[in-house]
Amino acid sequence: MAKVYMITYDLDKPGQRYNDFQKILKEKVSNGAWCHYWDSAYLFQSELSPKKILEALRPSLDSNDKVFITEVVNNHQGWLTKKEWNYINNSIF
């Protein structure tokens, strides 16, 4: 069963493997439902555990990068556009 996660990250060398990080997250980690409405964070669905998500992303990370992955429950608030909220509520939760 898919769960919803948020991942936040600081990739200290964005040009180096940033594209690899995004590609792995979008194509291998997420089940296709994801959004990137924040500069350094994604909200997404995945069948994987946080440990497995990190293992999948590890090849795109350097030793000085920072990543935090947490499960998100359907109890949320924020300041986003109506279109963004519709996608989150209809496609991710």
PDB file of N, CA and C in Angstrom:
ATOM      1  N   MET A   1       0.832  -1.178   0.000  1.00  0.00           N
ATOM      2  CA  MET A   1       0.000   0.000   0.000  1.00  0.00           C
ATOM      3  C   MET A   1       0.885   1.253   0.000  1.00  0.00           C
ATOM      4  N   ALA A   2       0.559   2.179  -0.862  1.00  0.00           N
ATOM      5  CA  ALA A   2       1.348   3.403  -0.969  1.00  0.00           C
ATOM      6  C   ALA A   2       1.109   4.309   0.234  1.00  0.00           C
ATOM      7  N   LYS A   3       2.172   4.952   0.659  1.00  0.00           N
ATOM      8  CA  LYS A   3       2.108   5.954   1.718  1.00  0.00           C
ATOM      9  C   LYS A   3       2.551   7.281   1.126  1.00  0.00           C
ATOM     10  N   VAL A   4       2.221   8.352   1.830  1.00  0.00           N
ATOM     11  CA  VAL A   4       2.622   9.688   1.394  1.00  0.00           C
ATOM     12  C   VAL A   4       3.833  10.112   2.212  1.00  0.00           C
ATOM     13  N   TYR A   5       4.828  10.631   1.515  1.00  0.00           N
ATOM     14  CA  TYR A   5       6.058  11.095   2.153  1.00  0.00           C
ATOM     15  C   TYR A   5       6.385  12.507   1.695  1.00  0.00           C
ATOM     16  N   MET A   6       7.140  13.203   2.529  1.00  0.00           N
ATOM     17  CA  MET A   6       7.765  14.446   2.114  1.00  0.00           C
ATOM     18  C   MET A   6       9.260  14.255   2.287  1.00  0.00           C
ATOM     19  N   ILE A   7       9.988  14.677   1.285  1.00  0.00           N
ATOM     20  CA  ILE A   7      11.444  14.649   1.350  1.00  0.00           C
ATOM     21  C   ILE A   7      11.941  16.079   1.205  1.00  0.00           C
ATOM     22  N   THR A   8      12.825  16.469   2.095  1.00  0.00           N
ATOM     23  CA  THR A   8      13.497  17.757   1.993  1.00  0.00           C
ATOM     24  C   THR A   8      14.983  17.479   1.854  1.00  0.00           C
ATOM     25  N   TYR A   9      15.678  18.365   1.159  1.00  0.00           N
ATOM     26  CA  TYR A   9      17.076  18.084   0.866  1.00  0.00           C
ATOM     27  C   TYR A   9      17.863  19.363   0.657  1.00  0.00           C
ATOM     28  N   ASP A  10      19.140  19.283   0.945  1.00  0.00           N
ATOM     29  CA  ASP A  10      20.130  20.296   0.595  1.00  0.00           C
ATOM     30  C   ASP A  10      21.210  19.568  -0.178  1.00  0.00           C
ATOM     31  N   LEU A  11      21.231  19.787  -1.468  1.00  0.00           N
ATOM     32  CA  LEU A  11      22.287  19.207  -2.296  1.00  0.00           C
ATOM     33  C   LEU A  11      23.311  20.307  -2.505  1.00  0.00           C
ATOM     34  N   ASP A  12      24.459  20.166  -1.866  1.00  0.00           N
ATOM     35  CA  ASP A  12      25.441  21.242  -1.852  1.00  0.00           C
ATOM     36  C   ASP A  12      26.111  21.498  -3.195  1.00  0.00           C
ATOM     37  N   LYS A  13      26.010  20.562  -4.110  1.00  0.00           N
ATOM     38  CA  LYS A  13      26.559  20.750  -5.452  1.00  0.00           C
ATOM     39  C   LYS A  13      25.439  20.477  -6.458  1.00  0.00           C
ATOM     40  N   PRO A  14      24.453  21.418  -6.593  1.00  0.00           N
ATOM     41  CA  PRO A  14      23.263  21.157  -7.389  1.00  0.00           C
ATOM     42  C   PRO A  14      23.534  20.726  -8.827  1.00  0.00           C
ATOM     43  N   GLY A  15      24.532  21.268  -9.462  1.00  0.00           N
ATOM     44  CA  GLY A  15      24.799  20.913 -10.847  1.00  0.00           C
ATOM     45  C   GLY A  15      25.372  19.521 -11.013  1.00  0.00           C
ATOM     46  N   GLN A  16      25.900  18.965  -9.951  1.00  0.00           N
ATOM     47  CA  GLN A  16      26.613  17.703 -10.055  1.00  0.00           C
ATOM     48  C   GLN A  16      25.681  16.518 -10.264  1.00  0.00           C
ATOM     49  N   ARG A  17      24.738  16.290  -9.340  1.00  0.00           N
ATOM     50  CA  ARG A  17      23.856  15.133  -9.478  1.00  0.00           C
ATOM     51  C   ARG A  17      22.395  15.461  -9.173  1.00  0.00           C
ATOM     52  N   TYR A  18      22.052  16.726  -9.230  1.00  0.00           N
ATOM     53  CA  TYR A  18      20.689  17.147  -8.940  1.00  0.00           C
ATOM     54  C   TYR A  18      19.695  16.479  -9.889  1.00  0.00           C
ATOM     55  N   ASN A  19      20.019  16.429 -11.165  1.00  0.00           N
ATOM     56  CA  ASN A  19      19.121  15.798 -12.140  1.00  0.00           C
ATOM     57  C   ASN A  19      18.949  14.313 -11.856  1.00  0.00           C
ATOM     58  N   ASP A  20      20.010  13.646 -11.438  1.00  0.00           N
ATOM     59  CA  ASP A  20      19.914  12.222 -11.080  1.00  0.00           C
ATOM     60  C   ASP A  20      18.983  12.032  -9.888  1.00  0.00           C
ATOM     61  N   PHE A  21      19.117  12.891  -8.886  1.00  0.00           N
ATOM     62  CA  PHE A  21      18.267  12.833  -7.695  1.00  0.00           C
ATOM     63  C   PHE A  21      16.797  12.941  -8.096  1.00  0.00           C
ATOM     64  N   GLN A  22      16.476  13.949  -8.908  1.00  0.00           N
ATOM     65  CA  GLN A  22      15.091  14.153  -9.343  1.00  0.00           C
ATOM     66  C   GLN A  22      14.579  12.976 -10.164  1.00  0.00           C
ATOM     67  N   LYS A  23      15.385  12.475 -11.063  1.00  0.00           N
ATOM     68  CA  LYS A  23      14.967  11.360 -11.923  1.00  0.00           C
ATOM     69  C   LYS A  23      14.673  10.107 -11.091  1.00  0.00           C
ATOM     70  N   ILE A  24      15.540   9.783 -10.158  1.00  0.00           N
ATOM     71  CA  ILE A  24      15.326   8.614  -9.298  1.00  0.00           C
ATOM     72  C   ILE A  24      14.053   8.797  -8.480  1.00  0.00           C
ATOM     73  N   LEU A  25      13.878   9.979  -7.902  1.00  0.00           N
ATOM     74  CA  LEU A  25      12.696  10.229  -7.078  1.00  0.00           C
ATOM     75  C   LEU A  25      11.412  10.106  -7.902  1.00  0.00           C
ATOM     76  N   LYS A  26      11.387  10.720  -9.064  1.00  0.00           N
ATOM     77  CA  LYS A  26      10.177  10.727  -9.891  1.00  0.00           C
ATOM     78  C   LYS A  26       9.888   9.377 -10.538  1.00  0.00           C
ATOM     79  N   GLU A  27      10.935   8.672 -10.974  1.00  0.00           N
ATOM     80  CA  GLU A  27      10.728   7.469 -11.784  1.00  0.00           C
ATOM     81  C   GLU A  27      10.883   6.155 -11.030  1.00  0.00           C
ATOM     82  N   LYS A  28      11.675   6.128  -9.967  1.00  0.00           N
ATOM     83  CA  LYS A  28      11.933   4.861  -9.271  1.00  0.00           C
ATOM     84  C   LYS A  28      11.357   4.815  -7.862  1.00  0.00           C
ATOM     85  N   VAL A  29      11.293   5.949  -7.200  1.00  0.00           N
ATOM     86  CA  VAL A  29      10.832   5.987  -5.813  1.00  0.00           C
ATOM     87  C   VAL A  29       9.327   6.237  -5.745  1.00  0.00           C
ATOM     88  N   SER A  30       8.859   7.252  -6.455  1.00  0.00           N
ATOM     89  CA  SER A  30       7.434   7.589  -6.397  1.00  0.00           C
ATOM     90  C   SER A  30       6.640   6.645  -7.289  1.00  0.00           C
ATOM     91  N   ASN A  31       5.362   6.502  -6.985  1.00  0.00           N
ATOM     92  CA  ASN A  31       4.502   5.673  -7.825  1.00  0.00           C
ATOM     93  C   ASN A  31       3.853   6.500  -8.929  1.00  0.00           C
ATOM     94  N   GLY A  32       4.353   7.698  -9.165  1.00  0.00           N
ATOM     95  CA  GLY A  32       3.842   8.580 -10.210  1.00  0.00           C
ATOM     96  C   GLY A  32       3.088   9.782  -9.671  1.00  0.00           C
ATOM     97  N   ALA A  33       2.690   9.731  -8.408  1.00  0.00           N
ATOM     98  CA  ALA A  33       1.998  10.857  -7.781  1.00  0.00           C
ATOM     99  C   ALA A  33       3.013  11.633  -6.950  1.00  0.00           C
ATOM    100  N   TRP A  34       3.401  12.802  -7.434  1.00  0.00           N
ATOM    101  CA  TRP A  34       4.370  13.625  -6.726  1.00  0.00           C
ATOM    102  C   TRP A  34       4.145  15.090  -7.086  1.00  0.00           C
ATOM    103  N   CYS A  35       4.606  15.982  -6.239  1.00  0.00           N
ATOM    104  CA  CYS A  35       4.605  17.406  -6.566  1.00  0.00           C
ATOM    105  C   CYS A  35       5.860  18.038  -5.976  1.00  0.00           C
ATOM    106  N   HIS A  36       6.262  19.114  -6.611  1.00  0.00           N
ATOM    107  CA  HIS A  36       7.497  19.817  -6.254  1.00  0.00           C
ATOM    108  C   HIS A  36       7.177  21.311  -6.220  1.00  0.00           C
ATOM    109  N   TYR A  37       6.348  21.717  -5.252  1.00  0.00           N
ATOM    110  CA  TYR A  37       5.905  23.105  -5.148  1.00  0.00           C
ATOM    111  C   TYR A  37       6.825  23.944  -4.270  1.00  0.00           C
ATOM    112  N   TRP A  38       7.880  23.355  -3.746  1.00  0.00           N
ATOM    113  CA  TRP A  38       8.829  24.027  -2.860  1.00  0.00           C
ATOM    114  C   TRP A  38      10.225  23.838  -3.444  1.00  0.00           C
ATOM    115  N   ASP A  39      11.118  24.767  -3.197  1.00  0.00           N
ATOM    116  CA  ASP A  39      12.445  24.715  -3.811  1.00  0.00           C
ATOM    117  C   ASP A  39      13.206  23.431  -3.505  1.00  0.00           C
ATOM    118  N   SER A  40      13.173  22.962  -2.286  1.00  0.00           N
ATOM    119  CA  SER A  40      13.988  21.804  -1.904  1.00  0.00           C
ATOM    120  C   SER A  40      13.160  20.728  -1.217  1.00  0.00           C
ATOM    121  N   ALA A  41      11.973  20.464  -1.754  1.00  0.00           N
ATOM    122  CA  ALA A  41      11.121  19.434  -1.155  1.00  0.00           C
ATOM    123  C   ALA A  41      10.166  18.856  -2.194  1.00  0.00           C
ATOM    124  N   TYR A  42       9.838  17.595  -2.003  1.00  0.00           N
ATOM    125  CA  TYR A  42       8.824  16.907  -2.798  1.00  0.00           C
ATOM    126  C   TYR A  42       7.827  16.265  -1.851  1.00  0.00           C
ATOM    127  N   LEU A  43       6.570  16.237  -2.264  1.00  0.00           N
ATOM    128  CA  LEU A  43       5.525  15.463  -1.616  1.00  0.00           C
ATOM    129  C   LEU A  43       5.166  14.375  -2.612  1.00  0.00           C
ATOM    130  N   PHE A  44       5.141  13.112  -2.170  1.00  0.00           N
ATOM    131  CA  PHE A  44       4.946  12.028  -3.134  1.00  0.00           C
ATOM    132  C   PHE A  44       4.382  10.783  -2.473  1.00  0.00           C
ATOM    133  N   GLN A  45       3.840   9.900  -3.296  1.00  0.00           N
ATOM    134  CA  GLN A  45       3.396   8.579  -2.853  1.00  0.00           C
ATOM    135  C   GLN A  45       4.459   7.564  -3.223  1.00  0.00           C
ATOM    136  N   SER A  46       4.637   6.574  -2.356  1.00  0.00           N
ATOM    137  CA  SER A  46       5.589   5.503  -2.641  1.00  0.00           C
ATOM    138  C   SER A  46       5.182   4.238  -1.898  1.00  0.00           C
ATOM    139  N   GLU A  47       5.525   3.120  -2.488  1.00  0.00           N
ATOM    140  CA  GLU A  47       5.348   1.819  -1.842  1.00  0.00           C
ATOM    141  C   GLU A  47       6.543   1.500  -0.940  1.00  0.00           C
ATOM    142  N   LEU A  48       7.618   2.277  -1.075  1.00  0.00           N
ATOM    143  CA  LEU A  48       8.859   2.010  -0.350  1.00  0.00           C
ATOM    144  C   LEU A  48       8.838   2.615   1.050  1.00  0.00           C
ATOM    145  N   SER A  49       9.647   2.055   1.933  1.00  0.00           N
ATOM    146  CA  SER A  49       9.840   2.622   3.270  1.00  0.00           C
ATOM    147  C   SER A  49      10.838   3.780   3.165  1.00  0.00           C
ATOM    148  N   PRO A  50      10.902   4.660   4.170  1.00  0.00           N
ATOM    149  CA  PRO A  50      11.906   5.723   4.139  1.00  0.00           C
ATOM    150  C   PRO A  50      13.328   5.179   3.965  1.00  0.00           C
ATOM    151  N   LYS A  51      13.635   4.067   4.606  1.00  0.00           N
ATOM    152  CA  LYS A  51      14.968   3.467   4.471  1.00  0.00           C
ATOM    153  C   LYS A  51      15.241   3.071   3.024  1.00  0.00           C
ATOM    154  N   LYS A  52      14.269   2.440   2.362  1.00  0.00           N
ATOM    155  CA  LYS A  52      14.441   2.017   0.964  1.00  0.00           C
ATOM    156  C   LYS A  52      14.493   3.222   0.025  1.00  0.00           C
ATOM    157  N   ILE A  53      13.743   4.267   0.348  1.00  0.00           N
ATOM    158  CA  ILE A  53      13.789   5.490  -0.460  1.00  0.00           C
ATOM    159  C   ILE A  53      15.195   6.072  -0.415  1.00  0.00           C
ATOM    160  N   LEU A  54      15.756   6.181   0.787  1.00  0.00           N
ATOM    161  CA  LEU A  54      17.110   6.718   0.921  1.00  0.00           C
ATOM    162  C   LEU A  54      18.123   5.840   0.196  1.00  0.00           C
ATOM    163  N   GLU A  55      17.985   4.530   0.312  1.00  0.00           N
ATOM    164  CA  GLU A  55      18.893   3.622  -0.397  1.00  0.00           C
ATOM    165  C   GLU A  55      18.820   3.842  -1.904  1.00  0.00           C
ATOM    166  N   ALA A  56      17.629   4.056  -2.441  1.00  0.00           N
ATOM    167  CA  ALA A  56      17.474   4.288  -3.878  1.00  0.00           C
ATOM    168  C   ALA A  56      18.117   5.602  -4.301  1.00  0.00           C
ATOM    169  N   LEU A  57      18.040   6.617  -3.447  1.00  0.00           N
ATOM    170  CA  LEU A  57      18.582   7.938  -3.769  1.00  0.00           C
ATOM    171  C   LEU A  57      20.076   8.063  -3.504  1.00  0.00           C
ATOM    172  N   ARG A  58      20.627   7.191  -2.690  1.00  0.00           N
ATOM    173  CA  ARG A  58      22.024   7.311  -2.264  1.00  0.00           C
ATOM    174  C   ARG A  58      23.027   7.503  -3.416  1.00  0.00           C
ATOM    175  N   PRO A  59      22.885   6.820  -4.558  1.00  0.00           N
ATOM    176  CA  PRO A  59      23.859   7.032  -5.641  1.00  0.00           C
ATOM    177  C   PRO A  59      23.898   8.469  -6.171  1.00  0.00           C
ATOM    178  N   SER A  60      22.841   9.238  -5.935  1.00  0.00           N
ATOM    179  CA  SER A  60      22.813  10.617  -6.423  1.00  0.00           C
ATOM    180  C   SER A  60      23.274  11.621  -5.369  1.00  0.00           C
ATOM    181  N   LEU A  61      23.676  11.136  -4.203  1.00  0.00           N
ATOM    182  CA  LEU A  61      24.054  12.020  -3.101  1.00  0.00           C
ATOM    183  C   LEU A  61      25.559  12.046  -2.880  1.00  0.00           C
ATOM    184  N   ASP A  62      26.045  13.203  -2.445  1.00  0.00           N
ATOM    185  CA  ASP A  62      27.431  13.357  -2.013  1.00  0.00           C
ATOM    186  C   ASP A  62      27.469  13.308  -0.489  1.00  0.00           C
ATOM    187  N   SER A  63      28.649  13.132   0.074  1.00  0.00           N
ATOM    188  CA  SER A  63      28.776  13.015   1.531  1.00  0.00           C
ATOM    189  C   SER A  63      28.369  14.289   2.269  1.00  0.00           C
ATOM    190  N   ASN A  64      28.396  15.433   1.595  1.00  0.00           N
ATOM    191  CA  ASN A  64      28.036  16.689   2.251  1.00  0.00           C
ATOM    192  C   ASN A  64      26.576  17.088   2.018  1.00  0.00           C
ATOM    193  N   ASP A  65      25.788  16.272   1.317  1.00  0.00           N
ATOM    194  CA  ASP A  65      24.370  16.547   1.097  1.00  0.00           C
ATOM    195  C   ASP A  65      23.565  16.190   2.338  1.00  0.00           C
ATOM    196  N   LYS A  66      22.365  16.762   2.435  1.00  0.00           N
ATOM    197  CA  LYS A  66      21.464  16.473   3.553  1.00  0.00           C
ATOM    198  C   LYS A  66      20.102  16.099   2.996  1.00  0.00           C
ATOM    199  N   VAL A  67      19.485  15.052   3.569  1.00  0.00           N
ATOM    200  CA  VAL A  67      18.171  14.579   3.130  1.00  0.00           C
ATOM    201  C   VAL A  67      17.366  14.187   4.366  1.00  0.00           C
ATOM    202  N   PHE A  68      16.081  14.540   4.372  1.00  0.00           N
ATOM    203  CA  PHE A  68      15.169  14.131   5.441  1.00  0.00           C
ATOM    204  C   PHE A  68      13.888  13.621   4.793  1.00  0.00           C
ATOM    205  N   ILE A  69      13.474  12.414   5.144  1.00  0.00           N
ATOM    206  CA  ILE A  69      12.278  11.780   4.589  1.00  0.00           C
ATOM    207  C   ILE A  69      11.332  11.483   5.742  1.00  0.00           C
ATOM    208  N   THR A  70      10.074  11.874   5.600  1.00  0.00           N
ATOM    209  CA  THR A  70       9.096  11.591   6.644  1.00  0.00           C
ATOM    210  C   THR A  70       7.748  11.230   6.032  1.00  0.00           C
ATOM    211  N   GLU A  71       7.034  10.332   6.703  1.00  0.00           N
ATOM    212  CA  GLU A  71       5.684   9.983   6.277  1.00  0.00           C
ATOM    213  C   GLU A  71       4.747  11.128   6.653  1.00  0.00           C
ATOM    214  N   VAL A  72       3.786  11.409   5.788  1.00  0.00           N
ATOM    215  CA  VAL A  72       2.836  12.496   6.000  1.00  0.00           C
ATOM    216  C   VAL A  72       1.432  11.908   6.098  1.00  0.00           C
ATOM    217  N   VAL A  73       0.686  12.328   7.097  1.00  0.00           N
ATOM    218  CA  VAL A  73      -0.703  11.874   7.231  1.00  0.00           C
ATOM    219  C   VAL A  73      -1.632  12.930   6.625  1.00  0.00           C
ATOM    220  N   ASN A  74      -2.861  12.544   6.373  1.00  0.00           N
ATOM    221  CA  ASN A  74      -3.816  13.445   5.736  1.00  0.00           C
ATOM    222  C   ASN A  74      -4.424  14.402   6.762  1.00  0.00           C
ATOM    223  N   ASN A  75      -3.580  15.229   7.332  1.00  0.00           N
ATOM    224  CA  ASN A  75      -3.964  16.273   8.270  1.00  0.00           C
ATOM    225  C   ASN A  75      -2.981  17.402   8.025  1.00  0.00           C
ATOM    226  N   HIS A  76      -3.310  18.273   7.096  1.00  0.00           N
ATOM    227  CA  HIS A  76      -2.339  19.253   6.630  1.00  0.00           C
ATOM    228  C   HIS A  76      -2.997  20.609   6.374  1.00  0.00           C
ATOM    229  N   GLN A  77      -2.197  21.642   6.423  1.00  0.00           N
ATOM    230  CA  GLN A  77      -2.588  23.001   6.081  1.00  0.00           C
ATOM    231  C   GLN A  77      -1.397  23.677   5.438  1.00  0.00           C
ATOM    232  N   GLY A  78      -1.638  24.715   4.703  1.00  0.00           N
ATOM    233  CA  GLY A  78      -0.560  25.461   4.086  1.00  0.00           C
ATOM    234  C   GLY A  78      -1.109  26.585   3.236  1.00  0.00           C
ATOM    235  N   TRP A  79      -0.212  27.277   2.570  1.00  0.00           N
ATOM    236  CA  TRP A  79      -0.570  28.390   1.711  1.00  0.00           C
ATOM    237  C   TRP A  79      -0.101  28.050   0.308  1.00  0.00           C
ATOM    238  N   LEU A  80      -1.014  27.514  -0.495  1.00  0.00           N
ATOM    239  CA  LEU A  80      -0.725  27.118  -1.874  1.00  0.00           C
ATOM    240  C   LEU A  80      -1.853  27.612  -2.764  1.00  0.00           C
ATOM    241  N   THR A  81      -1.657  27.526  -4.074  1.00  0.00           N
ATOM    242  CA  THR A  81      -2.726  27.905  -4.991  1.00  0.00           C
ATOM    243  C   THR A  81      -3.835  26.857  -4.957  1.00  0.00           C
ATOM    244  N   LYS A  82      -4.999  27.228  -5.434  1.00  0.00           N
ATOM    245  CA  LYS A  82      -6.120  26.284  -5.481  1.00  0.00           C
ATOM    246  C   LYS A  82      -5.772  25.079  -6.356  1.00  0.00           C
ATOM    247  N   LYS A  83      -5.107  25.322  -7.475  1.00  0.00           N
ATOM    248  CA  LYS A  83      -4.703  24.236  -8.376  1.00  0.00           C
ATOM    249  C   LYS A  83      -3.754  23.266  -7.663  1.00  0.00           C
ATOM    250  N   GLU A  84      -2.791  23.806  -6.915  1.00  0.00           N
ATOM    251  CA  GLU A  84      -1.851  22.957  -6.175  1.00  0.00           C
ATOM    252  C   GLU A  84      -2.574  22.139  -5.107  1.00  0.00           C
ATOM    253  N   TRP A  85      -3.484  22.776  -4.360  1.00  0.00           N
ATOM    254  CA  TRP A  85      -4.250  22.046  -3.348  1.00  0.00           C
ATOM    255  C   TRP A  85      -5.099  20.958  -3.980  1.00  0.00           C
ATOM    256  N   ASN A  86      -5.728  21.245  -5.108  1.00  0.00           N
ATOM    257  CA  ASN A  86      -6.547  20.233  -5.785  1.00  0.00           C
ATOM    258  C   ASN A  86      -5.709  19.020  -6.155  1.00  0.00           C
ATOM    259  N   TYR A  87      -4.512  19.248  -6.682  1.00  0.00           N
ATOM    260  CA  TYR A  87      -3.650  18.122  -7.046  1.00  0.00           C
ATOM    261  C   TYR A  87      -3.252  17.316  -5.808  1.00  0.00           C
ATOM    262  N   ILE A  88      -2.834  18.002  -4.772  1.00  0.00           N
ATOM    263  CA  ILE A  88      -2.429  17.308  -3.542  1.00  0.00           C
ATOM    264  C   ILE A  88      -3.587  16.490  -2.977  1.00  0.00           C
ATOM    265  N   ASN A  89      -4.749  17.100  -2.867  1.00  0.00           N
ATOM    266  CA  ASN A  89      -5.888  16.411  -2.253  1.00  0.00           C
ATOM    267  C   ASN A  89      -6.469  15.304  -3.126  1.00  0.00           C
ATOM    268  N   ASN A  90      -6.410  15.458  -4.439  1.00  0.00           N
ATOM    269  CA  ASN A  90      -7.010  14.469  -5.339  1.00  0.00           C
ATOM    270  C   ASN A  90      -6.036  13.412  -5.845  1.00  0.00           C
ATOM    271  N   SER A  91      -4.766  13.734  -5.908  1.00  0.00           N
ATOM    272  CA  SER A  91      -3.798  12.801  -6.500  1.00  0.00           C
ATOM    273  C   SER A  91      -2.820  12.193  -5.502  1.00  0.00           C
ATOM    274  N   ILE A  92      -2.558  12.887  -4.426  1.00  0.00           N
ATOM    275  CA  ILE A  92      -1.564  12.384  -3.478  1.00  0.00           C
ATOM    276  C   ILE A  92      -2.220  11.792  -2.235  1.00  0.00           C
ATOM    277  N   PHE A  93      -3.261  12.445  -1.707  1.00  0.00           N
ATOM    278  CA  PHE A  93      -3.943  11.918  -0.516  1.00  0.00           C
ATOM    279  C   PHE A  93      -5.205  11.186  -0.904  1.00  0.00           C
TER     280      PHE A  93
END
